[in-house]
Every structure is written in C-alpha cells, then in structure tokens.
Amino acid sequence: MARRRGSSRRHRRGRFAFFYKLLAILLICGAVVLAMTLFFRVDTILARGQARYSAEEVCEASGVKTGDNLYLLNKYDVSNRIRTALPYIEDIRIHRKLPDTLIIEVTECSQTLCVVQEGIAWMVSSRGQIVDQKSAEEAEGFGTISGCELLSPSVGTKIALATEYSLQEESLLSLLEELYNAGMLEQVDGIRLDDPVTLYLDYDGRFTVKLPYGADYEFKLRALRSYLEDTGVIQDNMTGTFDMQTDEDQTYFKPNVR
C-alpha cells in the first residue's frame, strides 16, 4: 500500500513538472512575440535593383509604412501590391534587417514580346505577365506572339487563352520561361500558335524553329543553341528551318535554297 502511495505521488510530481516546463516555454515564447511586436518597427525602407521605376515608387507601391511591425508584415501581400502597381517588376525579394530596416530587392522585366489585338499591343514578359499596353504602331520592332486571342487582357495580369487552347497556353508560358533562362528571348522575332500541332518560333531574323506543343523546351533550346554555335554546321549567311518535332535526340536543319 505504502509503495502504491509513493508511486502515485511521484507520478503526480512528474505530471506537474511537465506542466511547469510547458508553461515556462509558453511564457518565453509569448515574451519573444511581445518583444518583436513592441520593438521591431519599420523605420527605414530601402528599394534596390530598379531602373524603370524610382525607389520611391517601389516603396510606395509596397504599402509598407514607417511604424509597421517588421515581423508581422506579410511578404506575399507586399510582393503582390508591388507587382500590381508596377507590372514591369518580375522578381521581388524582401529582407528584414534588424532592428528597423526593410529591404526590397527587385528585378525588372528586360525583354517583352507583344500580342496585337484590336489595334492594341499587349506587352508580355517572360513570365507571361502583361506589363504594358501600347498602340500597334508603338510596338513595331518587338517580337510578336500570334495565332491566339487573349481573354480580357489588362496590364498587371497573366495572359489567358480560351479553355480549348490550354495546351497552347501552357506551352507558350513554358517556352517563354526557357527562352529567358537560356538568354535567347532577345533574338525572338515571333512565336506562332496558329497551327494546332506545331508551334513555330521565328528566331534571329534567319531561322524558323518547328516545335511540338508540350515539349521539354529546355532540352530543345539547348540543342538549338548548340547547333547555332557550331560554325561547322551553321554559317553566318545561312537561313532555314529547324524541325525539332522529331526524336528527342535529333535536330534537323533544312537550309533555304537560294
């Protein structure tokens, strides 16, 4: 009996010890959160990396004000506000520098293609974002995306095609991203989506590249670039067509006959 009572007391003490430890942890966490809420307030907002926009425009678009809590800021909301107000900005990185500084680093869209629709040229970034609206005349000289119709286009939104063209839309967005990643977007004269089977890429003023929809465009572009850089195959004055719809490990170049 005595043994049982002793064991029961030890069990109760063990439970109380656990409770006290848990309470201590919760109090410490609460004190940390309270300190962060009371003391870490935004006093300085710095914007870096912008060219088209001023630092003041980026800071204002962020919606962050001096006195806001540095740790309770929602970075996702801040980034969305900046992209909506300043659509040429593609990448945003937000850093906190204790005790009171918020740093906003941005990367602006450098290359755009245009979709001309009803006399309006919608300027599209490598991420498929509509970053600007121009007249068709103002957009002359820009690479074009044709053979598609944008649904309800507006600056600051992503391009959208009709549901039945979902494969074309997905392929276009993937191709734009890989062209940017490969540093090849600047040489694009046009992307044509009017063929239901084949995507046509007009490149460098000299070549037409035939691609299947839904392909591994990173692989295809890597193969294309290796061909273009091989002076033993492609001469500076050559024009022609790359048919890249065939086997994944083969690329066929058909030069134009003069």
Protein backbone atom coordinates (compact mmCIF):
# COMPACT_ATOMS: atom_id res chain seq x y z
CA MET A 1 0.00 0.00 0.00
CA ALA A 2 2.75 2.42 1.00
CA ARG A 3 4.55 1.58 -2.20
CA ARG A 4 1.48 2.42 -4.23
CA ARG A 5 1.02 5.76 -2.49
CA GLY A 6 4.68 6.67 -3.09
CA SER A 7 4.44 5.71 -6.71
CA SER A 8 1.25 7.78 -7.10
CA ARG A 9 2.92 10.85 -5.55
CA ARG A 10 5.92 10.53 -7.88
CA HIS A 11 3.58 10.21 -10.84
CA ARG A 12 1.72 13.39 -9.82
CA ARG A 13 5.01 15.25 -9.32
CA GLY A 14 6.13 14.13 -12.78
CA ARG A 15 2.93 15.44 -14.32
CA PHE A 16 3.25 18.78 -12.53
CA ALA A 17 6.90 19.10 -13.61
CA PHE A 18 5.91 18.58 -17.22
CA PHE A 19 3.12 21.15 -16.85
CA TYR A 20 5.52 23.73 -15.34
CA LYS A 21 8.05 23.17 -18.14
CA LEU A 22 5.35 23.61 -20.77
CA LEU A 23 4.09 26.75 -19.06
CA ALA A 24 7.62 28.16 -18.92
CA ILE A 25 8.14 27.52 -22.65
CA LEU A 26 4.82 29.20 -23.47
CA LEU A 27 5.71 32.22 -21.33
CA ILE A 28 9.11 32.54 -23.01
CA CYS A 29 7.54 32.30 -26.48
CA GLY A 30 4.94 34.88 -25.50
CA ALA A 31 7.64 37.22 -24.22
CA VAL A 32 9.59 36.86 -27.51
CA VAL A 33 6.48 37.57 -29.60
CA LEU A 34 5.62 40.56 -27.41
CA ALA A 35 9.14 41.94 -27.75
CA MET A 36 9.06 41.51 -31.53
CA THR A 37 5.67 43.25 -31.67
CA LEU A 38 6.68 46.15 -29.45
CA PHE A 39 10.22 46.87 -30.52
CA PHE A 40 10.85 45.85 -34.15
CA ARG A 41 9.10 48.64 -36.04
CA VAL A 42 9.86 49.74 -39.60
CA ASP A 43 11.84 52.97 -39.65
CA THR A 44 13.66 52.66 -42.98
CA ILE A 45 12.51 51.13 -46.31
CA LEU A 46 15.16 50.60 -48.98
CA ALA A 47 14.48 49.63 -52.62
CA ARG A 48 17.24 48.20 -54.79
CA GLY A 49 17.60 46.97 -58.37
CA GLN A 50 15.01 49.18 -60.03
CA ALA A 51 15.66 51.14 -63.24
CA ARG A 52 12.33 51.89 -64.91
CA TYR A 53 10.76 52.89 -61.60
CA SER A 54 12.15 55.05 -58.84
CA ALA A 55 12.95 53.78 -55.36
CA GLU A 56 10.15 55.99 -54.03
CA GLU A 57 7.64 54.34 -56.39
CA VAL A 58 8.66 50.86 -55.25
CA CYS A 59 8.44 51.81 -51.56
CA GLU A 60 5.05 53.46 -52.03
CA ALA A 61 3.70 50.50 -54.02
CA SER A 62 4.73 48.12 -51.23
CA GLY A 63 2.11 49.65 -48.94
CA VAL A 64 4.53 49.43 -46.00
CA LYS A 65 4.61 52.47 -43.72
CA THR A 66 7.05 53.53 -41.04
CA GLY A 67 5.85 52.21 -37.73
CA ASP A 68 4.56 48.93 -39.18
CA ASN A 69 5.76 45.85 -37.38
CA LEU A 70 8.80 44.40 -39.13
CA TYR A 71 7.94 40.78 -38.36
CA LEU A 72 4.19 40.85 -38.84
CA LEU A 73 4.49 42.04 -42.46
CA ASN A 74 3.11 39.56 -44.99
CA LYS A 75 5.81 39.34 -47.68
CA TYR A 76 3.39 37.73 -50.14
CA ASP A 77 0.95 40.64 -49.85
CA VAL A 78 3.76 43.19 -50.17
CA SER A 79 5.07 41.48 -53.34
CA ASN A 80 1.58 41.32 -54.86
CA ARG A 81 0.97 45.01 -54.24
CA ILE A 82 4.26 45.93 -55.92
CA ARG A 83 3.62 43.72 -58.96
CA THR A 84 0.09 45.08 -59.38
CA ALA A 85 1.18 48.71 -59.21
CA LEU A 86 4.48 48.28 -61.10
CA PRO A 87 3.95 45.45 -63.61
CA TYR A 88 7.42 45.62 -65.20
CA ILE A 89 8.82 44.20 -61.95
CA GLU A 90 9.17 40.42 -62.20
CA ASP A 91 11.18 39.20 -59.20
CA ILE A 92 10.92 40.56 -55.67
CA ARG A 93 12.99 39.59 -52.64
CA ILE A 94 12.17 41.10 -49.26
CA HIS A 95 14.66 41.11 -46.38
CA ARG A 96 14.43 42.31 -42.79
CA LYS A 97 17.49 43.97 -41.31
CA LEU A 98 17.28 44.39 -37.57
CA PRO A 99 16.33 46.42 -35.80
CA ASP A 100 14.20 48.60 -38.10
CA THR A 101 15.01 48.26 -41.83
CA LEU A 102 13.04 46.60 -44.63
CA ILE A 103 14.97 45.94 -47.85
CA ILE A 104 13.08 45.34 -51.11
CA GLU A 105 15.20 43.96 -53.96
CA VAL A 106 13.52 43.90 -57.37
CA THR A 107 14.38 42.64 -60.85
CA GLU A 108 12.62 44.32 -63.74
CA CYS A 109 11.48 42.69 -66.96
CA SER A 110 14.10 43.42 -69.63
CA GLN A 111 12.60 41.76 -72.72
CA THR A 112 8.98 41.67 -73.85
CA LEU A 113 7.00 40.27 -76.76
CA CYS A 114 3.66 41.67 -77.87
CA VAL A 115 0.23 40.31 -78.72
CA VAL A 116 -1.58 42.68 -81.09
CA GLN A 117 -5.32 42.55 -80.64
CA GLU A 118 -7.89 45.03 -81.96
CA GLY A 119 -5.20 47.61 -82.62
CA ILE A 120 -3.70 47.30 -79.12
CA ALA A 121 -0.32 45.73 -78.44
CA TRP A 122 -0.22 43.93 -75.10
CA MET A 123 3.39 43.65 -73.95
CA VAL A 124 4.13 40.26 -72.39
CA SER A 125 7.06 39.36 -70.13
CA SER A 126 8.94 36.06 -69.97
CA ARG A 127 6.59 35.02 -67.15
CA GLY A 128 3.50 35.59 -69.25
CA GLN A 129 2.64 38.78 -67.39
CA ILE A 130 1.09 41.70 -69.30
CA VAL A 131 3.37 44.56 -68.32
CA ASP A 132 2.28 47.34 -70.66
CA GLN A 133 -0.21 48.46 -73.29
CA LYS A 134 0.88 50.21 -76.47
CA SER A 135 -0.58 51.05 -79.85
CA ALA A 136 0.25 48.63 -82.65
CA GLU A 137 2.46 51.29 -84.20
CA GLU A 138 4.43 51.79 -80.97
CA ALA A 139 5.09 48.05 -80.76
CA GLU A 140 6.74 47.80 -84.17
CA GLY A 141 10.13 46.19 -83.80
CA PHE A 142 9.09 43.99 -80.90
CA GLY A 143 8.81 40.23 -81.27
CA THR A 144 5.21 39.10 -81.64
CA ILE A 145 3.04 36.29 -80.33
CA SER A 146 0.38 35.44 -82.90
CA GLY A 147 -2.29 32.85 -83.60
CA CYS A 148 -4.01 33.34 -80.25
CA GLU A 149 -6.58 35.63 -78.69
CA LEU A 150 -6.16 36.86 -75.14
CA LEU A 151 -9.15 36.72 -72.82
CA SER A 152 -9.88 40.03 -71.07
CA PRO A 153 -6.28 41.31 -71.23
CA SER A 154 -5.23 44.05 -68.81
CA VAL A 155 -1.92 45.36 -67.54
CA GLY A 156 -0.72 43.56 -64.43
CA THR A 157 -2.46 40.24 -65.18
CA LYS A 158 -1.21 36.97 -66.66
CA ILE A 159 -2.14 36.11 -70.22
CA ALA A 160 -5.09 33.73 -70.55
CA LEU A 161 -6.42 31.85 -73.57
CA ALA A 162 -9.74 30.07 -74.03
CA THR A 163 -10.06 26.71 -72.27
CA GLU A 164 -9.80 24.75 -75.52
CA TYR A 165 -6.36 26.30 -76.06
CA SER A 166 -4.98 25.27 -72.65
CA LEU A 167 -2.15 23.23 -74.24
CA GLN A 168 -1.09 26.20 -76.37
CA GLU A 169 -1.19 28.47 -73.31
CA GLU A 170 0.84 26.08 -71.18
CA SER A 171 3.37 25.55 -73.98
CA LEU A 172 3.71 29.27 -74.63
CA LEU A 173 4.36 30.06 -70.96
CA SER A 174 6.89 27.24 -70.68
CA LEU A 175 8.69 28.31 -73.87
CA LEU A 176 8.88 31.96 -72.77
CA GLU A 177 10.40 30.97 -69.44
CA GLU A 178 13.00 28.69 -71.02
CA LEU A 179 13.91 31.28 -73.67
CA TYR A 180 14.55 33.75 -70.85
CA ASN A 181 16.54 31.24 -68.81
CA ALA A 182 18.67 30.41 -71.85
CA GLY A 183 19.30 34.10 -72.64
CA MET A 184 17.62 33.68 -76.03
CA LEU A 185 14.49 35.80 -75.65
CA GLU A 186 16.06 38.92 -77.16
CA GLN A 187 16.59 37.12 -80.50
CA VAL A 188 12.95 36.02 -80.82
CA ASP A 189 11.13 37.61 -83.77
CA GLY A 190 7.88 35.78 -83.21
CA ILE A 191 6.04 32.84 -81.71
CA ARG A 192 3.16 31.47 -83.78
CA LEU A 193 0.37 29.37 -82.29
CA ASP A 194 -1.98 29.23 -85.28
CA ASP A 195 -1.11 25.60 -86.14
CA PRO A 196 -2.92 23.06 -83.89
CA VAL A 197 0.00 20.60 -83.99
CA THR A 198 3.16 22.66 -84.38
CA LEU A 199 4.46 25.71 -82.52
CA TYR A 200 6.60 27.96 -84.74
CA LEU A 201 9.44 30.04 -83.35
CA ASP A 202 10.93 32.75 -85.61
CA TYR A 203 14.46 33.36 -84.40
CA ASP A 204 17.31 35.79 -85.04
CA GLY A 205 15.83 37.10 -88.29
CA ARG A 206 17.06 33.98 -90.11
CA PHE A 207 15.51 30.81 -88.76
CA THR A 208 12.16 29.14 -88.25
CA VAL A 209 12.07 26.53 -85.49
CA LYS A 210 9.27 23.94 -85.53
CA LEU A 211 8.43 22.64 -82.06
CA PRO A 212 5.75 20.31 -80.72
CA TYR A 213 3.37 21.54 -78.05
CA GLY A 214 4.10 20.32 -74.55
CA ALA A 215 7.76 19.54 -75.26
CA ASP A 216 10.78 19.73 -72.99
CA TYR A 217 11.72 23.21 -74.18
CA GLU A 218 14.81 23.43 -72.01
CA PHE A 219 16.22 20.42 -73.86
CA LYS A 220 15.06 21.67 -77.27
CA LEU A 221 16.59 25.11 -76.82
CA ARG A 222 19.84 23.65 -75.55
CA ALA A 223 20.03 21.53 -78.71
CA LEU A 224 19.15 24.53 -80.88
CA ARG A 225 21.82 26.70 -79.31
CA SER A 226 24.48 24.02 -79.75
CA TYR A 227 23.62 23.85 -83.46
CA LEU A 228 23.72 27.63 -83.84
CA GLU A 229 27.10 27.81 -82.13
CA ASP A 230 28.56 25.06 -84.32
CA THR A 231 30.19 27.06 -87.12
CA GLY A 232 30.84 23.83 -88.99
CA VAL A 233 27.09 23.40 -89.49
CA ILE A 234 25.55 26.87 -89.48
CA GLN A 235 27.27 29.64 -91.42
CA ASP A 236 26.68 33.34 -90.75
CA ASN A 237 24.79 33.88 -94.01
CA MET A 238 22.57 30.79 -93.76
CA THR A 239 18.83 30.83 -93.26
CA GLY A 240 16.49 27.89 -92.89
CA THR A 241 14.24 25.76 -90.72
CA PHE A 242 14.98 23.64 -87.68
CA ASP A 243 12.45 20.82 -87.49
CA MET A 244 12.57 19.81 -83.84
CA GLN A 245 9.32 17.85 -83.73
CA THR A 246 11.06 14.52 -84.16
CA ASP A 247 13.08 12.30 -81.79
CA GLU A 248 14.33 13.96 -78.60
CA ASP A 249 17.97 13.32 -79.50
CA GLN A 250 17.87 14.61 -83.08
CA THR A 251 17.60 18.05 -84.65
CA TYR A 252 17.20 18.53 -88.37
CA PHE A 253 18.23 21.73 -90.11
CA LYS A 254 16.96 22.43 -93.60
CA PRO A 255 18.70 25.40 -95.19
CA ASN A 256 16.77 27.67 -97.52
CA VAL A 257 17.74 27.23 -101.14
CA ARG A 258 18.56 30.47 -102.95
